[in-house]
């Protein structure tokens, strides 16, 4: 496994295209200027040892040297040993609403993006808890099983969208029922489910039954996070990022979707959890972190790479080698290479 210590140094690589452009501009300027004094045949006679390839080769070595030096500054590390470690944490599952109503833009940039940002920020605050992700609309879909790989969790989280499930609507009970299958450690006493939604629920009484079963039989605490505004907003229909129209009902009226806090509050109360307003990301994440810290941590085993070894010296060495080659290579022809004619450069008679 590779670990990068100082990723910020990758920005140094942005100078490479600038250097290439400047090199091309300078070469064109030199050629245009030389042509003002003599034609190409005369120039070749005046400077017979000039190589048309060496300048490009020197640039290539310089850029390679710069690239490897940058990689050295980033300091790549390679995990050389995989070992089993003891960790303590809570099993946390996030159920994210991906129904069409989550496209409403009453909270910037829209409800779904806000929900994804909330989950991402919560993950950033976790230390050793195991996490899982569920996407749900008219049905629920397991996006990521319980894991300690936070990087993978964020990757799967960002890929979520309202088109990933063909069954539309909002069935919170489906998400809760699927969540009960995620907790694979029977000894884990703290099982937490976060439902991030605008509160629209088309499953009616089935949700209450699902909550009761999750709490009584699986010992799950259910927290709800509301995204959206009570005043509501229309659901935009976009193509290539441009709004083409607004979603309408069977009567041709524009649909206004509103945050239903009552549904979310009821679920949280019945689930021995708490309803949290997701409007203020910082405040919501802080409150959630407090709740998780108060819970007893269960010890479990997890495999992870240990003994990461620095590899920067290899990249610095290769980078310096290329820069040294750039310095010592001259732009004029090398006689013994000219005899080999590797670059198909014609001799001037």
Protein backbone atom coordinates (compact mmCIF):
# COMPACT_ATOMS: atom_id res chain seq x y z
CA UNK A 1 0.00 0.00 0.00
CA UNK A 2 1.30 3.47 -0.88
CA UNK A 3 0.95 6.48 1.40
CA UNK A 4 1.70 10.06 0.31
CA UNK A 5 2.87 12.43 3.05
CA UNK A 6 2.87 15.87 1.39
CA UNK A 7 0.40 15.86 -1.50
CA UNK A 8 0.47 19.66 -1.71
CA UNK A 9 3.79 19.49 -3.59
CA UNK A 10 1.99 17.97 -6.58
CA UNK A 11 1.04 21.55 -7.45
CA UNK A 12 4.67 22.08 -8.52
CA UNK A 13 3.96 19.87 -11.53
CA UNK A 14 1.71 22.60 -12.92
CA UNK A 15 4.83 24.49 -14.07
CA UNK A 16 5.67 21.71 -16.55
CA UNK A 17 3.15 22.73 -19.24
CA UNK A 18 4.24 26.36 -18.74
CA UNK A 19 7.88 25.41 -19.36
CA UNK A 20 6.93 23.41 -22.46
CA UNK A 21 4.96 26.33 -23.90
CA UNK A 22 7.83 28.76 -23.19
CA UNK A 23 10.29 26.35 -24.85
CA UNK A 24 8.17 26.14 -27.99
CA UNK A 25 7.75 29.94 -28.11
CA UNK A 26 11.51 30.50 -27.70
CA UNK A 27 12.34 27.96 -30.41
CA UNK A 28 9.92 29.59 -32.85
CA UNK A 29 11.30 33.04 -32.02
CA UNK A 30 14.91 31.87 -32.55
CA UNK A 31 14.03 30.28 -35.85
CA UNK A 32 12.16 33.36 -37.08
CA UNK A 33 15.01 35.66 -36.00
CA UNK A 34 17.69 33.50 -37.66
CA UNK A 35 15.72 33.38 -40.91
CA UNK A 36 15.93 37.17 -41.09
CA UNK A 37 19.70 36.96 -41.52
CA UNK A 38 20.14 33.87 -43.70
CA UNK A 39 18.31 30.93 -45.23
CA UNK A 40 18.32 27.51 -43.61
CA UNK A 41 21.10 26.06 -45.83
CA UNK A 42 23.49 28.91 -45.00
CA UNK A 43 22.70 28.63 -41.29
CA UNK A 44 23.61 24.95 -41.39
CA UNK A 45 26.97 25.81 -42.97
CA UNK A 46 27.64 28.55 -40.41
CA UNK A 47 26.87 26.23 -37.46
CA UNK A 48 27.47 22.66 -38.68
CA UNK A 49 27.77 21.25 -35.14
CA UNK A 50 24.37 22.47 -33.97
CA UNK A 51 22.01 19.59 -33.12
CA UNK A 52 18.28 19.97 -33.66
CA UNK A 53 17.59 17.12 -31.25
CA UNK A 54 19.79 18.00 -28.26
CA UNK A 55 17.73 21.00 -27.11
CA UNK A 56 14.60 18.84 -26.96
CA UNK A 57 16.53 16.10 -25.14
CA UNK A 58 17.83 18.61 -22.58
CA UNK A 59 14.27 19.85 -21.98
CA UNK A 60 13.06 16.27 -21.52
CA UNK A 61 15.78 15.54 -18.94
CA UNK A 62 15.02 18.78 -17.10
CA UNK A 63 11.31 18.00 -16.91
CA UNK A 64 11.96 14.44 -15.77
CA UNK A 65 14.31 15.77 -13.11
CA UNK A 66 11.69 18.24 -11.92
CA UNK A 67 9.02 15.51 -11.86
CA UNK A 68 11.12 13.10 -9.78
CA UNK A 69 12.22 15.86 -7.38
CA UNK A 70 8.56 16.73 -6.85
CA UNK A 71 7.73 13.09 -6.13
CA UNK A 72 10.57 13.10 -3.64
CA UNK A 73 9.08 16.12 -1.86
CA UNK A 74 5.71 14.34 -1.74
CA UNK A 75 7.55 11.52 0.09
CA UNK A 76 5.81 8.32 -1.01
CA UNK A 77 5.79 5.58 1.61
CA UNK A 78 5.19 1.90 0.99
CA UNK A 79 3.57 -0.33 3.58
CA UNK A 80 5.81 -3.33 3.95
CA UNK A 81 3.83 -5.33 6.46
CA UNK A 82 0.16 -6.20 6.87
CA UNK A 83 -0.77 -6.87 10.46
CA UNK A 84 -3.89 -7.33 12.55
CA UNK A 85 -4.44 -4.52 15.05
CA UNK A 86 -6.92 -3.95 17.83
CA UNK A 87 -9.26 -1.01 17.39
CA UNK A 88 -12.16 0.35 19.38
CA UNK A 89 -15.20 1.92 17.85
CA UNK A 90 -18.88 2.00 17.05
CA UNK A 91 -20.57 0.49 14.00
CA UNK A 92 -22.12 3.37 12.06
CA UNK A 93 -24.32 3.07 8.97
CA UNK A 94 -25.34 6.07 6.87
CA UNK A 95 -28.60 5.81 4.90
CA UNK A 96 -28.64 8.58 2.29
CA UNK A 97 -31.85 9.55 0.52
CA UNK A 98 -31.26 9.65 -3.27
CA UNK A 99 -34.85 10.25 -4.37
CA UNK A 100 -35.59 13.01 -6.91
CA UNK A 101 -36.79 15.37 -4.18
CA UNK A 102 -33.17 15.57 -3.02
CA UNK A 103 -32.39 17.62 -6.15
CA UNK A 104 -34.31 20.59 -4.72
CA UNK A 105 -32.04 23.59 -4.33
CA UNK A 106 -33.53 25.18 -1.22
CA UNK A 107 -30.22 24.38 0.44
CA UNK A 108 -27.02 24.96 -1.56
CA UNK A 109 -26.02 23.46 -3.90
CA UNK A 110 -28.89 20.96 -3.50
CA UNK A 111 -30.14 18.59 -0.83
CA UNK A 112 -28.24 15.56 -2.06
CA UNK A 113 -24.89 17.33 -2.29
CA UNK A 114 -25.51 18.77 1.16
CA UNK A 115 -26.23 15.27 2.50
CA UNK A 116 -23.04 13.90 0.94
CA UNK A 117 -21.00 16.73 2.41
CA UNK A 118 -22.47 16.08 5.86
CA UNK A 119 -21.56 12.40 5.72
CA UNK A 120 -18.08 13.20 4.42
CA UNK A 121 -17.46 15.67 7.26
CA UNK A 122 -18.71 13.16 9.82
CA UNK A 123 -16.32 10.55 8.43
CA UNK A 124 -13.47 13.06 8.80
CA UNK A 125 -14.18 13.23 12.54
CA UNK A 126 -14.19 9.47 13.07
CA UNK A 127 -11.13 7.77 14.47
CA UNK A 128 -11.60 4.01 14.53
CA UNK A 129 -15.31 3.41 14.02
CA UNK A 130 -16.54 1.05 11.31
CA UNK A 131 -18.86 2.57 8.73
CA UNK A 132 -21.29 1.44 6.05
CA UNK A 133 -23.36 3.32 3.46
CA UNK A 134 -26.86 2.70 2.09
CA UNK A 135 -28.57 4.53 -0.78
CA UNK A 136 -32.35 4.52 -0.82
CA UNK A 137 -35.32 5.92 -2.69
CA UNK A 138 -38.29 3.67 -3.50
CA UNK A 139 -36.00 0.81 -2.50
CA UNK A 140 -32.72 0.51 -0.62
CA UNK A 141 -29.37 -0.49 -2.07
CA UNK A 142 -26.17 -1.41 -0.14
CA UNK A 143 -23.58 1.07 -1.33
CA UNK A 144 -20.74 0.02 0.99
CA UNK A 145 -20.69 -2.76 3.62
CA UNK A 146 -19.25 -2.20 7.10
CA UNK A 147 -15.58 -1.25 6.76
CA UNK A 148 -12.75 0.77 8.29
CA UNK A 149 -11.63 2.05 4.87
CA UNK A 150 -12.70 5.69 5.06
CA UNK A 151 -11.11 6.47 1.68
CA UNK A 152 -13.30 3.91 -0.06
CA UNK A 153 -16.33 5.21 1.83
CA UNK A 154 -15.79 8.74 0.50
CA UNK A 155 -15.28 7.43 -3.03
CA UNK A 156 -18.55 5.49 -2.98
CA UNK A 157 -20.29 8.44 -1.32
CA UNK A 158 -19.32 10.87 -4.08
CA UNK A 159 -20.61 8.49 -6.77
CA UNK A 160 -24.15 8.55 -5.36
CA UNK A 161 -26.82 10.28 -7.44
CA UNK A 162 -30.57 10.30 -7.99
CA UNK A 163 -30.33 8.08 -11.09
CA UNK A 164 -28.69 5.13 -9.37
CA UNK A 165 -32.02 3.61 -8.32
CA UNK A 166 -34.79 3.06 -10.86
CA UNK A 167 -37.48 2.74 -8.19
CA UNK A 168 -38.41 6.27 -7.21
CA UNK A 169 -40.31 7.48 -4.18
CA UNK A 170 -39.01 7.50 -0.62
CA UNK A 171 -39.30 4.34 1.45
CA UNK A 172 -37.40 4.96 4.70
CA UNK A 173 -38.51 1.57 6.01
CA UNK A 174 -36.53 -0.13 3.22
CA UNK A 175 -33.36 1.65 4.36
CA UNK A 176 -33.92 0.71 8.00
CA UNK A 177 -34.62 -2.95 7.16
CA UNK A 178 -31.49 -3.16 5.01
CA UNK A 179 -29.42 -1.50 7.74
CA UNK A 180 -30.29 -4.31 10.17
CA UNK A 181 -28.31 -6.70 7.95
CA UNK A 182 -25.16 -4.53 7.98
CA UNK A 183 -24.07 -5.09 11.57
CA UNK A 184 -22.06 -8.30 11.32
CA UNK A 185 -20.59 -8.25 14.84
CA UNK A 186 -23.01 -9.85 17.29
CA UNK A 187 -21.01 -8.58 20.27
CA UNK A 188 -21.18 -4.95 19.15
CA UNK A 189 -23.46 -3.20 21.66
CA UNK A 190 -23.45 0.20 19.98
CA UNK A 191 -25.02 0.12 16.56
CA UNK A 192 -25.91 3.46 15.05
CA UNK A 193 -27.93 4.35 11.97
CA UNK A 194 -27.95 7.87 10.54
CA UNK A 195 -30.78 8.63 8.11
CA UNK A 196 -30.02 11.70 6.00
CA UNK A 197 -33.16 12.83 4.23
CA UNK A 198 -35.67 15.60 3.56
CA UNK A 199 -38.27 13.57 5.49
CA UNK A 200 -40.52 12.60 2.61
CA UNK A 201 -41.77 9.08 3.32
CA UNK A 202 -44.11 7.04 1.12
CA UNK A 203 -43.95 3.87 3.21
CA UNK A 204 -46.57 5.14 5.69
CA UNK A 205 -46.98 2.82 8.72
CA UNK A 206 -44.25 0.42 7.59
CA UNK A 207 -41.57 2.80 8.83
CA UNK A 208 -42.74 2.65 12.43
CA UNK A 209 -42.69 -1.16 12.36
CA UNK A 210 -39.21 -1.14 10.86
CA UNK A 211 -37.94 1.24 13.56
CA UNK A 212 -39.40 -0.90 16.37
CA UNK A 213 -37.83 -4.04 14.95
CA UNK A 214 -34.45 -2.38 14.50
CA UNK A 215 -34.43 -1.07 18.08
CA UNK A 216 -35.86 -4.08 19.91
CA UNK A 217 -34.32 -6.94 17.95
CA UNK A 218 -31.03 -5.45 16.72
CA UNK A 219 -30.33 -2.80 19.36
CA UNK A 220 -29.85 -0.07 16.76
CA UNK A 221 -30.03 3.62 17.70
CA UNK A 222 -31.47 5.69 14.88
CA UNK A 223 -30.51 9.32 14.35
CA UNK A 224 -32.03 11.47 11.63
CA UNK A 225 -30.51 14.45 9.85
CA UNK A 226 -32.82 16.82 7.99
CA UNK A 227 -31.69 18.53 4.79
CA UNK A 228 -33.89 21.11 3.10
CA UNK A 229 -36.23 23.94 4.09
CA UNK A 230 -39.74 23.80 5.49
CA UNK A 231 -40.94 26.35 2.90
CA UNK A 232 -39.91 23.93 0.17
CA UNK A 233 -38.63 24.29 -3.38
CA UNK A 234 -39.37 22.92 -6.87
CA UNK A 235 -37.40 19.99 -8.30
CA UNK A 236 -35.33 21.12 -11.30
CA UNK A 237 -34.91 18.85 -14.30
CA UNK A 238 -31.47 19.47 -15.78
CA UNK A 239 -29.53 18.43 -18.84
CA UNK A 240 -25.78 19.08 -18.96
CA UNK A 241 -26.09 21.25 -15.87
CA UNK A 242 -28.76 23.51 -17.40
CA UNK A 243 -32.31 23.64 -16.01
CA UNK A 244 -34.74 22.61 -18.75
CA UNK A 245 -37.93 22.52 -16.68
CA UNK A 246 -39.41 21.87 -13.26
CA UNK A 247 -40.95 18.58 -12.15
CA UNK A 248 -44.77 18.64 -12.40
CA UNK A 249 -47.52 16.42 -11.05
CA UNK A 250 -50.29 14.66 -13.02
CA UNK A 251 -52.34 17.88 -13.05
CA UNK A 252 -49.48 19.84 -14.60
CA UNK A 253 -48.72 21.77 -11.40
CA UNK A 254 -45.12 22.37 -10.35
CA UNK A 255 -44.22 20.02 -7.50
CA UNK A 256 -42.97 21.75 -4.36
CA UNK A 257 -41.05 19.44 -2.06
CA UNK A 258 -40.71 20.44 1.59
CA UNK A 259 -38.58 19.31 4.49
CA UNK A 260 -40.81 17.14 6.71
CA UNK A 261 -39.16 17.45 10.10
CA UNK A 262 -42.06 15.76 11.92
CA UNK A 263 -41.40 12.42 10.22
CA UNK A 264 -37.69 12.60 10.99
CA UNK A 265 -38.28 13.66 14.61
CA UNK A 266 -40.72 10.77 15.15
CA UNK A 267 -38.24 8.24 13.71
CA UNK A 268 -35.44 9.57 15.92
CA UNK A 269 -37.57 9.50 19.08
CA UNK A 270 -38.80 5.97 18.43
CA UNK A 271 -35.26 4.91 17.52
CA UNK A 272 -33.74 6.14 20.82
CA UNK A 273 -31.76 8.70 18.85
CA UNK A 274 -32.01 12.38 18.07
CA UNK A 275 -33.12 14.61 15.21
CA UNK A 276 -30.39 16.96 13.95
CA UNK A 277 -30.90 19.93 11.65
CA UNK A 278 -28.40 19.60 8.81
CA UNK A 279 -28.59 23.21 7.63
CA UNK A 280 -25.43 24.22 9.48
CA UNK A 281 -22.85 21.58 8.55
CA UNK A 282 -20.36 22.49 11.27
CA UNK A 283 -22.95 22.49 14.05
CA UNK A 284 -24.51 19.23 12.87
CA UNK A 285 -21.16 17.44 12.63
CA UNK A 286 -20.14 18.71 16.06
CA UNK A 287 -23.37 17.42 17.63
CA UNK A 288 -23.03 14.02 15.94
CA UNK A 289 -19.40 13.72 17.03
CA UNK A 290 -20.44 14.43 20.64
CA UNK A 291 -23.06 11.70 20.49
CA UNK A 292 -20.60 9.13 19.12
CA UNK A 293 -17.95 10.00 21.70
CA UNK A 294 -20.42 9.35 24.51
CA UNK A 295 -21.01 5.78 23.35
CA UNK A 296 -19.04 2.82 24.66
CA UNK A 297 -16.48 1.56 22.18
CA UNK A 298 -16.31 -2.10 21.21
CA UNK A 299 -12.89 -3.62 20.56
CA UNK A 300 -12.50 -5.39 17.22
CA UNK A 301 -9.75 -6.60 14.97
CA UNK A 302 -8.81 -4.92 11.72
CA UNK A 303 -6.02 -5.51 9.21
CA UNK A 304 -3.91 -2.58 8.17
CA UNK A 305 -0.49 -1.87 6.72
CA UNK A 306 2.27 -1.07 9.18
CA UNK A 307 5.93 -0.15 9.00
CA UNK A 308 5.63 2.36 6.18
CA UNK A 309 9.09 3.07 4.75
CA UNK A 310 10.15 6.37 3.18
CA UNK A 311 10.91 6.15 -0.55
CA UNK A 312 11.74 9.83 -1.20
CA UNK A 313 15.49 9.18 -1.54
CA UNK A 314 14.99 7.12 -4.71
CA UNK A 315 13.00 9.87 -6.40
CA UNK A 316 15.43 12.61 -5.30
CA UNK A 317 18.36 10.55 -6.60
CA UNK A 318 16.75 9.92 -9.99
CA UNK A 319 15.69 13.56 -10.20
CA UNK A 320 19.23 14.82 -9.53
CA UNK A 321 20.60 12.37 -12.10
CA UNK A 322 18.35 13.79 -14.82
CA UNK A 323 19.29 17.38 -13.87
CA UNK A 324 23.00 16.50 -14.01
CA UNK A 325 22.49 14.96 -17.47
CA UNK A 326 20.72 18.14 -18.53
CA UNK A 327 23.70 20.25 -17.43
CA UNK A 328 26.38 18.12 -19.09
CA UNK A 329 24.60 17.53 -22.40
CA UNK A 330 25.61 20.26 -24.86
CA UNK A 331 23.39 21.44 -27.69
CA UNK A 332 26.05 20.78 -30.32
CA UNK A 333 26.48 17.44 -32.03
CA UNK A 334 28.51 14.70 -30.38
CA UNK A 335 31.01 13.50 -32.98
CA UNK A 336 30.81 9.78 -32.32
CA UNK A 337 27.02 9.97 -32.12
CA UNK A 338 26.97 11.95 -35.35
CA UNK A 339 28.78 9.08 -37.05
CA UNK A 340 26.09 6.68 -35.84
CA UNK A 341 23.45 9.13 -37.11
CA UNK A 342 20.93 7.91 -34.53
CA UNK A 343 18.70 10.92 -35.02
CA UNK A 344 18.89 10.92 -38.82
CA UNK A 345 20.62 14.31 -38.95
CA UNK A 346 22.17 14.92 -42.39
CA UNK A 347 25.80 15.96 -42.62
CA UNK A 348 26.53 19.30 -44.21
CA UNK A 349 28.79 19.01 -47.21
